[in-house]
PDB file of N, CA and C in Angstrom:
ATOM      1  N   MET A   1      50.097 -86.389 189.208  1.00  0.00           N
ATOM      2  CA  MET A   1      48.692 -86.117 189.069  1.00  0.00           C
ATOM      3  C   MET A   1      48.032 -86.278 190.364  1.00  0.00           C
ATOM      4  N   ASN A   2      47.268 -85.100 190.829  1.00  0.00           N
ATOM      5  CA  ASN A   2      46.594 -85.183 192.085  1.00  0.00           C
ATOM      6  C   ASN A   2      45.068 -85.824 191.888  1.00  0.00           C
ATOM      7  N   ARG A   3      44.542 -86.011 192.981  1.00  0.00           N
ATOM      8  CA  ARG A   3      43.281 -86.807 193.115  1.00  0.00           C
ATOM      9  C   ARG A   3      42.143 -86.208 192.177  1.00  0.00           C
ATOM     10  N   THR A   4      42.085 -84.707 192.421  1.00  0.00           N
ATOM     11  CA  THR A   4      41.093 -84.052 191.658  1.00  0.00           C
ATOM     12  C   THR A   4      41.240 -84.127 190.158  1.00  0.00           C
ATOM     13  N   THR A   5      42.399 -84.080 189.595  1.00  0.00           N
ATOM     14  CA  THR A   5      42.605 -84.291 188.153  1.00  0.00           C
ATOM     15  C   THR A   5      42.266 -85.632 187.755  1.00  0.00           C
ATOM     16  N   HIS A   6      42.682 -86.604 188.450  1.00  0.00           N
ATOM     17  CA  HIS A   6      42.404 -88.087 188.209  1.00  0.00           C
ATOM     18  C   HIS A   6      40.938 -88.201 188.190  1.00  0.00           C
ATOM     19  N   ARG A   7      40.184 -87.722 189.198  1.00  0.00           N
ATOM     20  CA  ARG A   7      38.835 -87.878 189.249  1.00  0.00           C
ATOM     21  C   ARG A   7      38.017 -87.187 188.162  1.00  0.00           C
ATOM     22  N   THR A   8      38.530 -86.023 187.777  1.00  0.00           N
ATOM     23  CA  THR A   8      37.845 -85.306 186.599  1.00  0.00           C
ATOM     24  C   THR A   8      38.270 -86.006 185.272  1.00  0.00           C
ATOM     25  N   ARG A   9      39.366 -86.534 185.102  1.00  0.00           N
ATOM     26  CA  ARG A   9      39.653 -87.286 183.858  1.00  0.00           C
ATOM     27  C   ARG A   9      38.812 -88.635 183.814  1.00  0.00           C
ATOM     28  N   ALA A  10      38.694 -89.216 184.912  1.00  0.00           N
ATOM     29  CA  ALA A  10      37.855 -90.478 184.973  1.00  0.00           C
ATOM     30  C   ALA A  10      36.467 -90.171 184.662  1.00  0.00           C
ATOM     31  N   ALA A  11      35.923 -89.136 185.234  1.00  0.00           N
ATOM     32  CA  ALA A  11      34.432 -88.752 184.930  1.00  0.00           C
ATOM     33  C   ALA A  11      34.220 -88.392 183.493  1.00  0.00           C
ATOM     34  N   ALA A  12      35.223 -87.771 183.000  1.00  0.00           N
ATOM     35  CA  ALA A  12      35.184 -87.348 181.531  1.00  0.00           C
ATOM     36  C   ALA A  12      35.180 -88.568 180.589  1.00  0.00           C
ATOM     37  N   LEU A  13      36.096 -89.466 180.981  1.00  0.00           N
ATOM     38  CA  LEU A  13      36.155 -90.672 180.231  1.00  0.00           C
ATOM     39  C   LEU A  13      34.881 -91.620 180.390  1.00  0.00           C
ATOM     40  N   ALA A  14      34.374 -91.766 181.481  1.00  0.00           N
ATOM     41  CA  ALA A  14      33.214 -92.403 181.823  1.00  0.00           C
ATOM     42  C   ALA A  14      31.973 -91.764 180.913  1.00  0.00           C
ATOM     43  N   GLY A  15      31.991 -90.502 180.868  1.00  0.00           N
ATOM     44  CA  GLY A  15      30.894 -89.793 180.313  1.00  0.00           C
ATOM     45  C   GLY A  15      31.032 -90.020 178.766  1.00  0.00           C
ATOM     46  N   ALA A  16      32.255 -89.855 178.193  1.00  0.00           N
ATOM     47  CA  ALA A  16      32.451 -90.140 176.773  1.00  0.00           C
ATOM     48  C   ALA A  16      32.185 -91.562 176.303  1.00  0.00           C
ATOM     49  N   ILE A  17      32.509 -92.472 177.292  1.00  0.00           N
ATOM     50  CA  ILE A  17      32.079 -94.019 176.820  1.00  0.00           C
ATOM     51  C   ILE A  17      30.628 -94.101 177.006  1.00  0.00           C
ATOM     52  N   ALA A  18      29.925 -93.495 177.984  1.00  0.00           N
ATOM     53  CA  ALA A  18      28.418 -93.531 177.936  1.00  0.00           C
ATOM     54  C   ALA A  18      27.810 -93.007 176.582  1.00  0.00           C
ATOM     55  N   LEU A  19      28.340 -91.892 176.244  1.00  0.00           N
ATOM     56  CA  LEU A  19      27.896 -91.234 174.919  1.00  0.00           C
ATOM     57  C   LEU A  19      28.024 -92.141 173.729  1.00  0.00           C
ATOM     58  N   VAL A  20      29.277 -92.710 173.617  1.00  0.00           N
ATOM     59  CA  VAL A  20      29.568 -93.508 172.451  1.00  0.00           C
ATOM     60  C   VAL A  20      28.784 -94.744 172.540  1.00  0.00           C
ATOM     61  N   THR A  21      28.427 -95.271 173.577  1.00  0.00           N
ATOM     62  CA  THR A  21      27.674 -96.534 173.824  1.00  0.00           C
ATOM     63  C   THR A  21      26.248 -96.137 173.430  1.00  0.00           C
ATOM     64  N   LEU A  22      25.811 -95.013 173.990  1.00  0.00           N
ATOM     65  CA  LEU A  22      24.438 -94.640 173.435  1.00  0.00           C
ATOM     66  C   LEU A  22      24.216 -94.411 172.037  1.00  0.00           C
ATOM     67  N   ALA A  23      25.186 -93.797 171.403  1.00  0.00           N
ATOM     68  CA  ALA A  23      25.096 -93.382 170.004  1.00  0.00           C
ATOM     69  C   ALA A  23      25.211 -94.899 169.167  1.00  0.00           C
ATOM     70  N   CYS A  24      25.813 -95.738 169.628  1.00  0.00           N
ATOM     71  CA  CYS A  24      25.948 -97.014 168.897  1.00  0.00           C
ATOM     72  C   CYS A  24      24.843 -97.972 169.174  1.00  0.00           C
ATOM     73  N   THR A  25      23.975 -97.832 170.239  1.00  0.00           N
ATOM     74  CA  THR A  25      22.889 -98.767 170.423  1.00  0.00           C
ATOM     75  C   THR A  25      21.565 -98.117 169.984  1.00  0.00           C
ATOM     76  N   THR A  26      21.550 -96.758 169.924  1.00  0.00           N
ATOM     77  CA  THR A  26      20.231 -96.149 169.436  1.00  0.00           C
ATOM     78  C   THR A  26      20.015 -96.374 167.919  1.00  0.00           C
ATOM     79  N   PRO A  27      18.952 -97.075 167.536  1.00  0.00           N
ATOM     80  CA  PRO A  27      18.794 -97.363 166.165  1.00  0.00           C
ATOM     81  C   PRO A  27      18.511 -95.942 165.319  1.00  0.00           C
ATOM     82  N   PRO A  28      18.942 -96.033 164.106  1.00  0.00           N
ATOM     83  CA  PRO A  28      18.702 -94.680 163.332  1.00  0.00           C
ATOM     84  C   PRO A  28      17.177 -94.323 163.204  1.00  0.00           C
ATOM     85  N   ALA A  29      16.330 -95.450 163.189  1.00  0.00           N
ATOM     86  CA  ALA A  29      15.023 -95.151 163.101  1.00  0.00           C
ATOM     87  C   ALA A  29      14.439 -94.179 164.197  1.00  0.00           C
ATOM     88  N   THR A  30      15.005 -94.387 165.501  1.00  0.00           N
ATOM     89  CA  THR A  30      14.554 -93.604 166.428  1.00  0.00           C
ATOM     90  C   THR A  30      14.975 -92.045 166.201  1.00  0.00           C
ATOM     91  N   ALA A  31      16.090 -91.768 165.672  1.00  0.00           N
ATOM     92  CA  ALA A  31      16.589 -90.507 165.335  1.00  0.00           C
ATOM     93  C   ALA A  31      15.757 -89.816 164.169  1.00  0.00           C
ATOM     94  N   GLN A  32      15.378 -90.737 163.143  1.00  0.00           N
ATOM     95  CA  GLN A  32      14.864 -90.219 161.780  1.00  0.00           C
ATOM     96  C   GLN A  32      13.298 -90.235 161.794  1.00  0.00           C
ATOM     97  N   ALA A  33      12.482 -91.271 162.431  1.00  0.00           N
ATOM     98  CA  ALA A  33      11.222 -91.449 162.302  1.00  0.00           C
ATOM     99  C   ALA A  33      10.486 -90.270 163.236  1.00  0.00           C
ATOM    100  N   ARG A  34       9.571 -89.483 162.648  1.00  0.00           N
ATOM    101  CA  ARG A  34       8.800 -88.429 163.346  1.00  0.00           C
ATOM    102  C   ARG A  34       7.540 -89.124 163.724  1.00  0.00           C
ATOM    103  N   ALA A  35       7.034 -88.561 164.908  1.00  0.00           N
ATOM    104  CA  ALA A  35       5.759 -88.769 165.342  1.00  0.00           C
ATOM    105  C   ALA A  35       4.636 -88.727 164.202  1.00  0.00           C
ATOM    106  N   GLY A  36       3.986 -89.647 164.053  1.00  0.00           N
ATOM    107  CA  GLY A  36       2.960 -89.545 162.886  1.00  0.00           C
ATOM    108  C   GLY A  36       3.285 -90.035 161.549  1.00  0.00           C
ATOM    109  N   ASP A  37       4.515 -90.652 161.498  1.00  0.00           N
ATOM    110  CA  ASP A  37       5.086 -91.145 160.254  1.00  0.00           C
ATOM    111  C   ASP A  37       5.218 -92.671 160.238  1.00  0.00           C
ATOM    112  N   ILE A  38       5.221 -93.366 159.319  1.00  0.00           N
ATOM    113  CA  ILE A  38       5.669 -94.834 158.931  1.00  0.00           C
ATOM    114  C   ILE A  38       6.900 -94.495 158.040  1.00  0.00           C
ATOM    115  N   CYS A  39       7.921 -94.933 158.494  1.00  0.00           N
ATOM    116  CA  CYS A  39       9.305 -94.874 157.904  1.00  0.00           C
ATOM    117  C   CYS A  39       9.605 -96.186 157.264  1.00  0.00           C
ATOM    118  N   LEU A  40      10.169 -96.241 156.143  1.00  0.00           N
ATOM    119  CA  LEU A  40      10.745 -97.436 155.474  1.00  0.00           C
ATOM    120  C   LEU A  40      12.081 -97.436 155.036  1.00  0.00           C
ATOM    121  N   TRP A  41      12.817 -98.477 155.253  1.00  0.00           N
ATOM    122  CA  TRP A  41      14.375 -98.547 154.846  1.00  0.00           C
ATOM    123  C   TRP A  41      14.398 -99.704 153.825  1.00  0.00           C
ATOM    124  N   SER A  42      15.343 -99.525 152.805  1.00  0.00           N
ATOM    125  CA  SER A  42      15.693-100.611 151.860  1.00  0.00           C
ATOM    126  C   SER A  42      16.421-101.759 152.655  1.00  0.00           C
ATOM    127  N   GLY A  43      17.207-101.439 153.619  1.00  0.00           N
ATOM    128  CA  GLY A  43      18.070-102.381 154.256  1.00  0.00           C
ATOM    129  C   GLY A  43      17.572-102.757 155.604  1.00  0.00           C
ATOM    130  N   ARG A  44      18.177-103.855 155.943  1.00  0.00           N
ATOM    131  CA  ARG A  44      17.756-104.307 157.431  1.00  0.00           C
ATOM    132  C   ARG A  44      18.378-103.472 158.467  1.00  0.00           C
ATOM    133  N   ASN A  45      17.800-103.421 159.595  1.00  0.00           N
ATOM    134  CA  ASN A  45      18.183-102.556 160.751  1.00  0.00           C
ATOM    135  C   ASN A  45      18.302-101.187 160.415  1.00  0.00           C
ATOM    136  N   TYR A  46      17.380-100.707 159.668  1.00  0.00           N
ATOM    137  CA  TYR A  46      17.125 -99.180 159.417  1.00  0.00           C
ATOM    138  C   TYR A  46      18.268 -98.637 158.727  1.00  0.00           C
ATOM    139  N   SER A  47      18.616 -99.302 157.625  1.00  0.00           N
ATOM    140  CA  SER A  47      19.758 -98.738 156.856  1.00  0.00           C
ATOM    141  C   SER A  47      19.390 -98.696 155.350  1.00  0.00           C
ATOM    142  N   GLY A  48      20.222 -98.012 154.512  1.00  0.00           N
ATOM    143  CA  GLY A  48      19.912 -97.974 153.081  1.00  0.00           C
ATOM    144  C   GLY A  48      18.997 -96.759 152.780  1.00  0.00           C
ATOM    145  N   ALA A  49      18.344 -96.914 151.660  1.00  0.00           N
ATOM    146  CA  ALA A  49      17.479 -95.849 151.063  1.00  0.00           C
ATOM    147  C   ALA A  49      16.290 -95.789 152.245  1.00  0.00           C
ATOM    148  N   HIS A  50      15.802 -94.454 152.405  1.00  0.00           N
ATOM    149  CA  HIS A  50      14.978 -94.192 153.588  1.00  0.00           C
ATOM    150  C   HIS A  50      13.843 -93.245 153.127  1.00  0.00           C
ATOM    151  N   TRP A  51      12.640 -93.618 153.423  1.00  0.00           N
ATOM    152  CA  TRP A  51      11.453 -92.676 153.084  1.00  0.00           C
ATOM    153  C   TRP A  51      10.416 -92.744 154.203  1.00  0.00           C
ATOM    154  N   CYS A  52       9.760 -91.718 154.527  1.00  0.00           N
ATOM    155  CA  CYS A  52       8.710 -91.636 155.472  1.00  0.00           C
ATOM    156  C   CYS A  52       7.442 -91.120 154.815  1.00  0.00           C
ATOM    157  N   TRP A  53       6.297 -91.773 155.223  1.00  0.00           N
ATOM    158  CA  TRP A  53       5.017 -91.457 154.759  1.00  0.00           C
ATOM    159  C   TRP A  53       4.050 -91.145 156.120  1.00  0.00           C
ATOM    160  N   ASN A  54       3.148 -90.246 155.791  1.00  0.00           N
ATOM    161  CA  ASN A  54       2.320 -89.730 156.655  1.00  0.00           C
ATOM    162  C   ASN A  54       0.868 -90.034 156.311  1.00  0.00           C
ATOM    163  N   PRO A  55      -0.060 -90.464 157.171  1.00  0.00           N
ATOM    164  CA  PRO A  55      -1.546 -90.751 156.851  1.00  0.00           C
ATOM    165  C   PRO A  55      -2.141 -89.492 156.022  1.00  0.00           C
ATOM    166  N   GLY A  56      -1.714 -88.290 156.340  1.00  0.00           N
ATOM    167  CA  GLY A  56      -2.225 -87.111 155.711  1.00  0.00           C
ATOM    168  C   GLY A  56      -1.880 -87.137 154.226  1.00  0.00           C
ATOM    169  N   ASN A  57      -0.914 -87.803 153.800  1.00  0.00           N
ATOM    170  CA  ASN A  57      -0.500 -88.061 152.380  1.00  0.00           C
ATOM    171  C   ASN A  57      -1.527 -88.759 151.517  1.00  0.00           C
ATOM    172  N   GLY A  58      -2.336 -89.648 152.367  1.00  0.00           N
ATOM    173  CA  GLY A  58      -3.272 -90.463 151.540  1.00  0.00           C
ATOM    174  C   GLY A  58      -2.460 -91.599 150.859  1.00  0.00           C
ATOM    175  N   TYR A  59      -3.119 -92.215 149.939  1.00  0.00           N
ATOM    176  CA  TYR A  59      -2.400 -93.363 149.193  1.00  0.00           C
ATOM    177  C   TYR A  59      -1.218 -92.852 148.420  1.00  0.00           C
ATOM    178  N   VAL A  60      -0.118 -93.588 148.578  1.00  0.00           N
ATOM    179  CA  VAL A  60       1.101 -93.166 147.933  1.00  0.00           C
ATOM    180  C   VAL A  60       1.835 -94.429 147.439  1.00  0.00           C
ATOM    181  N   ASP A  61       2.287 -94.481 146.147  1.00  0.00           N
ATOM    182  CA  ASP A  61       3.146 -95.638 145.807  1.00  0.00           C
ATOM    183  C   ASP A  61       4.574 -95.296 146.378  1.00  0.00           C
ATOM    184  N   VAL A  62       5.174 -96.387 146.863  1.00  0.00           N
ATOM    185  CA  VAL A  62       6.530 -96.212 147.571  1.00  0.00           C
ATOM    186  C   VAL A  62       7.444 -95.887 146.410  1.00  0.00           C
ATOM    187  N   PRO A  63       8.643 -95.067 146.688  1.00  0.00           N
ATOM    188  CA  PRO A  63       9.693 -94.678 145.739  1.00  0.00           C
ATOM    189  C   PRO A  63      10.344 -96.106 145.085  1.00  0.00           C
ATOM    190  N   PRO A  64      10.854 -95.848 144.033  1.00  0.00           N
ATOM    191  CA  PRO A  64      11.398 -97.015 143.325  1.00  0.00           C
ATOM    192  C   PRO A  64      12.434 -97.865 144.015  1.00  0.00           C
ATOM    193  N   ALA A  65      13.254 -97.146 144.861  1.00  0.00           N
ATOM    194  CA  ALA A  65      14.233 -97.866 145.805  1.00  0.00           C
ATOM    195  C   ALA A  65      13.622 -98.704 146.735  1.00  0.00           C
ATOM    196  N   LEU A  66      12.409 -98.538 146.977  1.00  0.00           N
ATOM    197  CA  LEU A  66      11.739 -99.305 148.029  1.00  0.00           C
ATOM    198  C   LEU A  66      10.665-100.311 147.458  1.00  0.00           C
ATOM    199  N   HIS A  67      10.297-100.125 146.293  1.00  0.00           N
ATOM    200  CA  HIS A  67       9.395-101.007 145.613  1.00  0.00           C
ATOM    201  C   HIS A  67       9.621-102.373 145.610  1.00  0.00           C
ATOM    202  N   ASP A  68       8.948-103.361 146.302  1.00  0.00           N
ATOM    203  CA  ASP A  68       9.243-104.763 146.531  1.00  0.00           C
ATOM    204  C   ASP A  68      10.634-104.883 147.236  1.00  0.00           C
ATOM    205  N   ASN A  69      11.084-103.871 148.076  1.00  0.00           N
ATOM    206  CA  ASN A  69      12.371-103.899 148.719  1.00  0.00           C
ATOM    207  C   ASN A  69      12.450-103.167 149.936  1.00  0.00           C
ATOM    208  N   VAL A  70      11.610-103.332 151.029  1.00  0.00           N
ATOM    209  CA  VAL A  70      11.678-102.871 152.352  1.00  0.00           C
ATOM    210  C   VAL A  70      12.260-103.797 153.347  1.00  0.00           C
ATOM    211  N   GLY A  71      13.385-103.396 153.684  1.00  0.00           N
ATOM    212  CA  GLY A  71      14.177-104.318 154.693  1.00  0.00           C
ATOM    213  C   GLY A  71      13.899-104.164 155.990  1.00  0.00           C
ATOM    214  N   SER A  72      13.347-102.948 156.404  1.00  0.00           N
ATOM    215  CA  SER A  72      12.939-102.805 157.726  1.00  0.00           C
ATOM    216  C   SER A  72      11.919-101.498 157.897  1.00  0.00           C
ATOM    217  N   PHE A  73      11.236-101.398 158.841  1.00  0.00           N
ATOM    218  CA  PHE A  73      10.252-100.209 158.966  1.00  0.00           C
ATOM    219  C   PHE A  73       9.938 -99.965 160.402  1.00  0.00           C
ATOM    220  N   GLN A  74       9.548 -98.745 160.718  1.00  0.00           N
ATOM    221  CA  GLN A  74       9.145 -98.363 162.037  1.00  0.00           C
ATOM    222  C   GLN A  74       7.712 -97.303 161.908  1.00  0.00           C
ATOM    223  N   ALA A  75       6.849 -97.660 162.590  1.00  0.00           N
ATOM    224  CA  ALA A  75       5.456 -96.966 162.363  1.00  0.00           C
ATOM    225  C   ALA A  75       5.135 -96.174 163.700  1.00  0.00           C
ATOM    226  N   HIS A  76       4.937 -94.940 163.502  1.00  0.00           N
ATOM    227  CA  HIS A  76       4.459 -93.997 164.477  1.00  0.00           C
ATOM    228  C   HIS A  76       3.164 -93.537 164.122  1.00  0.00           C
ATOM    229  N   ALA A  77       2.286 -94.377 163.370  1.00  0.00           N
ATOM    230  CA  ALA A  77       0.990 -94.025 163.001  1.00  0.00           C
ATOM    231  C   ALA A  77       0.507 -95.263 162.485  1.00  0.00           C
ATOM    232  N   ASP A  78      -0.834 -95.260 162.306  1.00  0.00           N
ATOM    233  CA  ASP A  78      -1.511 -96.503 161.608  1.00  0.00           C
ATOM    234  C   ASP A  78      -1.430 -96.358 160.145  1.00  0.00           C
ATOM    235  N   GLY A  79      -1.472 -97.529 159.524  1.00  0.00           N
ATOM    236  CA  GLY A  79      -1.557 -97.322 158.046  1.00  0.00           C
ATOM    237  C   GLY A  79      -1.743 -98.708 157.406  1.00  0.00           C
ATOM    238  N   CYS A  80      -1.479 -98.885 156.124  1.00  0.00           N
ATOM    239  CA  CYS A  80      -1.684-100.170 155.401  1.00  0.00           C
ATOM    240  C   CYS A  80      -0.643-100.234 154.298  1.00  0.00           C
ATOM    241  N   PHE A  81       0.219-101.442 154.387  1.00  0.00           N
ATOM    242  CA  PHE A  81       1.005-101.730 153.183  1.00  0.00           C
ATOM    243  C   PHE A  81       0.266-102.523 152.284  1.00  0.00           C
ATOM    244  N   ILE A  82       0.635-102.183 150.942  1.00  0.00           N
ATOM    245  CA  ILE A  82      -0.230-102.726 149.864  1.00  0.00           C
ATOM    246  C   ILE A  82       0.662-103.457 148.922  1.00  0.00           C
ATOM    247  N   ASN A  83       0.445-104.600 148.513  1.00  0.00           N
ATOM    248  CA  ASN A  83       1.042-105.225 147.398  1.00  0.00           C
ATOM    249  C   ASN A  83      -0.064-105.467 146.257  1.00  0.00           C
ATOM    250  N   TRP A  84       0.170-104.780 145.038  1.00  0.00           N
ATOM    251  CA  TRP A  84      -0.835-104.953 144.006  1.00  0.00           C
ATOM    252  C   TRP A  84      -0.545-106.216 143.166  1.00  0.00           C
ATOM    253  N   ILE A  85      -1.578-107.045 143.092  1.00  0.00           N
ATOM    254  CA  ILE A  85      -1.427-108.131 142.375  1.00  0.00           C
ATOM    255  C   ILE A  85      -1.996-108.016 140.958  1.00  0.00           C
ATOM    256  N   HIS A  86      -3.141-107.302 140.882  1.00  0.00           N
ATOM    257  CA  HIS A  86      -3.724-106.885 139.648  1.00  0.00           C
ATOM    258  C   HIS A  86      -4.324-105.417 139.826  1.00  0.00           C
ATOM    259  N   VAL A  87      -3.830-104.414 139.412  1.00  0.00           N
ATOM    260  CA  VAL A  87      -4.484-103.113 139.557  1.00  0.00           C
ATOM    261  C   VAL A  87      -5.569-102.951 138.699  1.00  0.00           C
ATOM    262  N   PRO A  88      -6.807-102.419 139.165  1.00  0.00           N
ATOM    263  CA  PRO A  88      -7.137-101.976 140.503  1.00  0.00           C
ATOM    264  C   PRO A  88      -7.879-102.855 141.469  1.00  0.00           C
ATOM    265  N   ASP A  89      -8.061-104.116 140.974  1.00  0.00           N
ATOM    266  CA  ASP A  89      -9.087-104.836 141.713  1.00  0.00           C
ATOM    267  C   ASP A  89      -8.536-105.980 142.626  1.00  0.00           C
ATOM    268  N   ARG A  90      -7.200-106.209 142.606  1.00  0.00           N
ATOM    269  CA  ARG A  90      -6.658-107.404 143.320  1.00  0.00           C
ATOM    270  C   ARG A  90      -5.537-107.026 144.104  1.00  0.00           C
ATOM    271  N   LYS A  91      -5.550-106.979 145.370  1.00  0.00           N
ATOM    272  CA  LYS A  91      -4.416-106.660 146.212  1.00  0.00           C
ATOM    273  C   LYS A  91      -4.180-107.473 147.472  1.00  0.00           C
ATOM    274  N   GLU A  92      -3.019-107.475 148.059  1.00  0.00           N
ATOM    275  CA  GLU A  92      -2.738-108.127 149.287  1.00  0.00           C
ATOM    276  C   GLU A  92      -2.349-106.916 150.278  1.00  0.00           C
ATOM    277  N   THR A  93      -2.798-107.067 151.326  1.00  0.00           N
ATOM    278  CA  THR A  93      -2.470-105.930 152.355  1.00  0.00           C
ATOM    279  C   THR A  93      -2.083-106.376 153.789  1.00  0.00           C
ATOM    280  N   ARG A  94      -1.389-105.457 154.473  1.00  0.00           N
ATOM    281  CA  ARG A  94      -1.032-105.702 155.741  1.00  0.00           C
ATOM    282  C   ARG A  94      -1.253-104.422 156.680  1.00  0.00           C
ATOM    283  N   ILE A  95      -2.095-104.612 157.631  1.00  0.00           N
ATOM    284  CA  ILE A  95      -2.383-103.552 158.547  1.00  0.00           C
ATOM    285  C   ILE A  95      -1.199-103.163 159.424  1.00  0.00           C
ATOM    286  N   VAL A  96      -0.834-101.993 159.478  1.00  0.00           N
ATOM    287  CA  VAL A  96       0.176-101.605 160.253  1.00  0.00           C
ATOM    288  C   VAL A  96      -0.344-100.572 161.431  1.00  0.00           C
ATOM    289  N   ARG A  97       0.181-100.746 162.692  1.00  0.00           N
ATOM    290  CA  ARG A  97      -0.344-100.011 163.702  1.00  0.00           C
ATOM    291  C   ARG A  97       0.863 -99.071 164.286  1.00  0.00           C
ATOM    292  N   ASN A  98       0.455 -98.054 164.868  1.00  0.00           N
ATOM    293  CA  ASN A  98       1.495 -97.204 165.639  1.00  0.00           C
ATOM    294  C   ASN A  98       2.090 -97.949 166.722  1.00  0.00           C
ATOM    295  N   GLY A  99       3.505 -98.033 166.541  1.00  0.00           N
ATOM    296  CA  GLY A  99       4.399 -98.726 167.437  1.00  0.00           C
ATOM    297  C   GLY A  99       4.824-100.011 166.814  1.00  0.00           C
ATOM    298  N   ASP A 100       4.369-100.387 165.726  1.00  0.00           N
ATOM    299  CA  ASP A 100       4.915-101.570 164.909  1.00  0.00           C
ATOM    300  C   ASP A 100       6.116-101.173 164.386  1.00  0.00           C
ATOM    301  N   TYR A 101       7.020-102.288 164.466  1.00  0.00           N
ATOM    302  CA  TYR A 101       8.421-102.105 163.666  1.00  0.00           C
ATOM    303  C   TYR A 101       8.987-103.538 163.337  1.00  0.00           C
ATOM    304  N   ARG A 102       9.888-103.528 162.376  1.00  0.00           N
ATOM    305  CA  ARG A 102      10.438-104.681 162.120  1.00  0.00           C
ATOM    306  C   ARG A 102      11.877-104.405 161.700  1.00  0.00           C
ATOM    307  N   ARG A 103      12.916-104.829 162.358  1.00  0.00           N
ATOM    308  CA  ARG A 103      14.348-104.575 161.968  1.00  0.00           C
ATOM    309  C   ARG A 103      14.680-105.506 160.584  1.00  0.00           C
ATOM    310  N   VAL A 104      13.917-106.532 160.379  1.00  0.00           N
ATOM    311  CA  VAL A 104      14.144-107.531 159.447  1.00  0.00           C
ATOM    312  C   VAL A 104      12.704-107.707 158.761  1.00  0.00           C
ATOM    313  N   TYR A 105      12.593-107.161 157.540  1.00  0.00           N
ATOM    314  CA  TYR A 105      11.152-107.303 156.947  1.00  0.00           C
ATOM    315  C   TYR A 105      11.302-107.696 155.447  1.00  0.00           C
ATOM    316  N   ASP A 106      12.506-107.742 154.819  1.00  0.00           N
ATOM    317  CA  ASP A 106      12.672-108.070 153.494  1.00  0.00           C
ATOM    318  C   ASP A 106      12.355-109.632 153.174  1.00  0.00           C
ATOM    319  N   ASN A 107      12.387-110.383 154.380  1.00  0.00           N
ATOM    320  CA  ASN A 107      11.965-111.827 154.106  1.00  0.00           C
ATOM    321  C   ASN A 107      10.474-112.124 154.356  1.00  0.00           C
ATOM    322  N   ASP A 108       9.684-111.177 154.659  1.00  0.00           N
ATOM    323  CA  ASP A 108       8.350-111.136 154.758  1.00  0.00           C
ATOM    324  C   ASP A 108       7.584-110.202 153.823  1.00  0.00           C
ATOM    325  N   PHE A 109       6.775-109.491 154.204  1.00  0.00           N
ATOM    326  CA  PHE A 109       5.807-108.736 153.211  1.00  0.00           C
ATOM    327  C   PHE A 109       6.687-107.563 152.647  1.00  0.00           C
ATOM    328  N   GLY A 110       7.704-107.164 153.284  1.00  0.00           N
ATOM    329  CA  GLY A 110       8.735-106.103 152.809  1.00  0.00           C
ATOM    330  C   GLY A 110       9.085-106.311 151.380  1.00  0.00           C
ATOM    331  N   GLY A 111       9.178-107.540 150.858  1.00  0.00           N
ATOM    332  CA  GLY A 111       9.763-107.991 149.743  1.00  0.00           C
ATOM    333  C   GLY A 111       8.648-107.805 148.648  1.00  0.00           C
ATOM    334  N   LYS A 112       7.408-107.298 149.157  1.00  0.00           N
ATOM    335  CA  LYS A 112       6.141-107.271 148.135  1.00  0.00           C
ATOM    336  C   LYS A 112       5.550-105.696 148.196  1.00  0.00           C
ATOM    337  N   ILE A 113       5.966-104.890 149.071  1.00  0.00           N
ATOM    338  CA  ILE A 113       5.295-103.567 149.165  1.00  0.00           C
ATOM    339  C   ILE A 113       5.330-102.636 147.922  1.00  0.00           C
ATOM    340  N   ASP A 114       4.247-102.306 147.579  1.00  0.00           N
ATOM    341  CA  ASP A 114       4.089-101.472 146.315  1.00  0.00           C
ATOM    342  C   ASP A 114       3.690 -99.905 146.702  1.00  0.00           C
ATOM    343  N   ALA A 115       2.922 -99.957 147.854  1.00  0.00           N
ATOM    344  CA  ALA A 115       2.246 -98.702 148.184  1.00  0.00           C
ATOM    345  C   ALA A 115       1.759 -98.683 149.747  1.00  0.00           C
ATOM    346  N   VAL A 116       1.560 -97.594 150.266  1.00  0.00           N
ATOM    347  CA  VAL A 116       1.158 -97.350 151.587  1.00  0.00           C
ATOM    348  C   VAL A 116      -0.017 -96.365 151.556  1.00  0.00           C
ATOM    349  N   ALA A 117      -1.076 -96.696 152.532  1.00  0.00           N
ATOM    350  CA  ALA A 117      -2.326 -96.024 152.555  1.00  0.00           C
ATOM    351  C   ALA A 117      -2.820 -95.933 153.987  1.00  0.00           C
ATOM    352  N   PRO A 118      -3.701 -94.928 154.213  1.00  0.00           N
ATOM    353  CA  PRO A 118      -4.136 -94.762 155.692  1.00  0.00           C
ATOM    354  C   PRO A 118      -4.999 -96.002 156.034  1.00  0.00           C
ATOM    355  N   ARG A 119      -5.679 -96.540 155.250  1.00  0.00           N
ATOM    356  CA  ARG A 119      -6.498 -97.838 155.500  1.00  0.00           C
ATOM    357  C   ARG A 119      -6.366 -98.875 154.554  1.00  0.00           C
ATOM    358  N   CYS A 120      -6.586-100.192 154.922  1.00  0.00           N
ATOM    359  CA  CYS A 120      -6.544-101.325 153.911  1.00  0.00           C
ATOM    360  C   CYS A 120      -7.720-101.472 153.219  1.00  0.00           C
TER     361      CYS A 120
END
């Protein structure tokens, strides 16, 4: 094998390793969440059932798979997470700001979320 072939193979291998490393370290949330959305996952680390909400949608109850079952989230918009204690007059809320995220949220308010809205 000559030097040129060896260098070409080494460069190709280094590029492949870098690509695999990037693919393994980039969280799914980065690839799936769009600007202007708040995305929720049923599992920790952006895994499981997935749903995105946009402030233009207004108040929305979360899908059944995520009701009281948000394991992680990523926000690219401002919004409000809502836990209904007694509809329509008693609720607990959490303000969410653009840039907020939690890889582990099921041990916090994620275990209570019933709905998402533009404002609390």
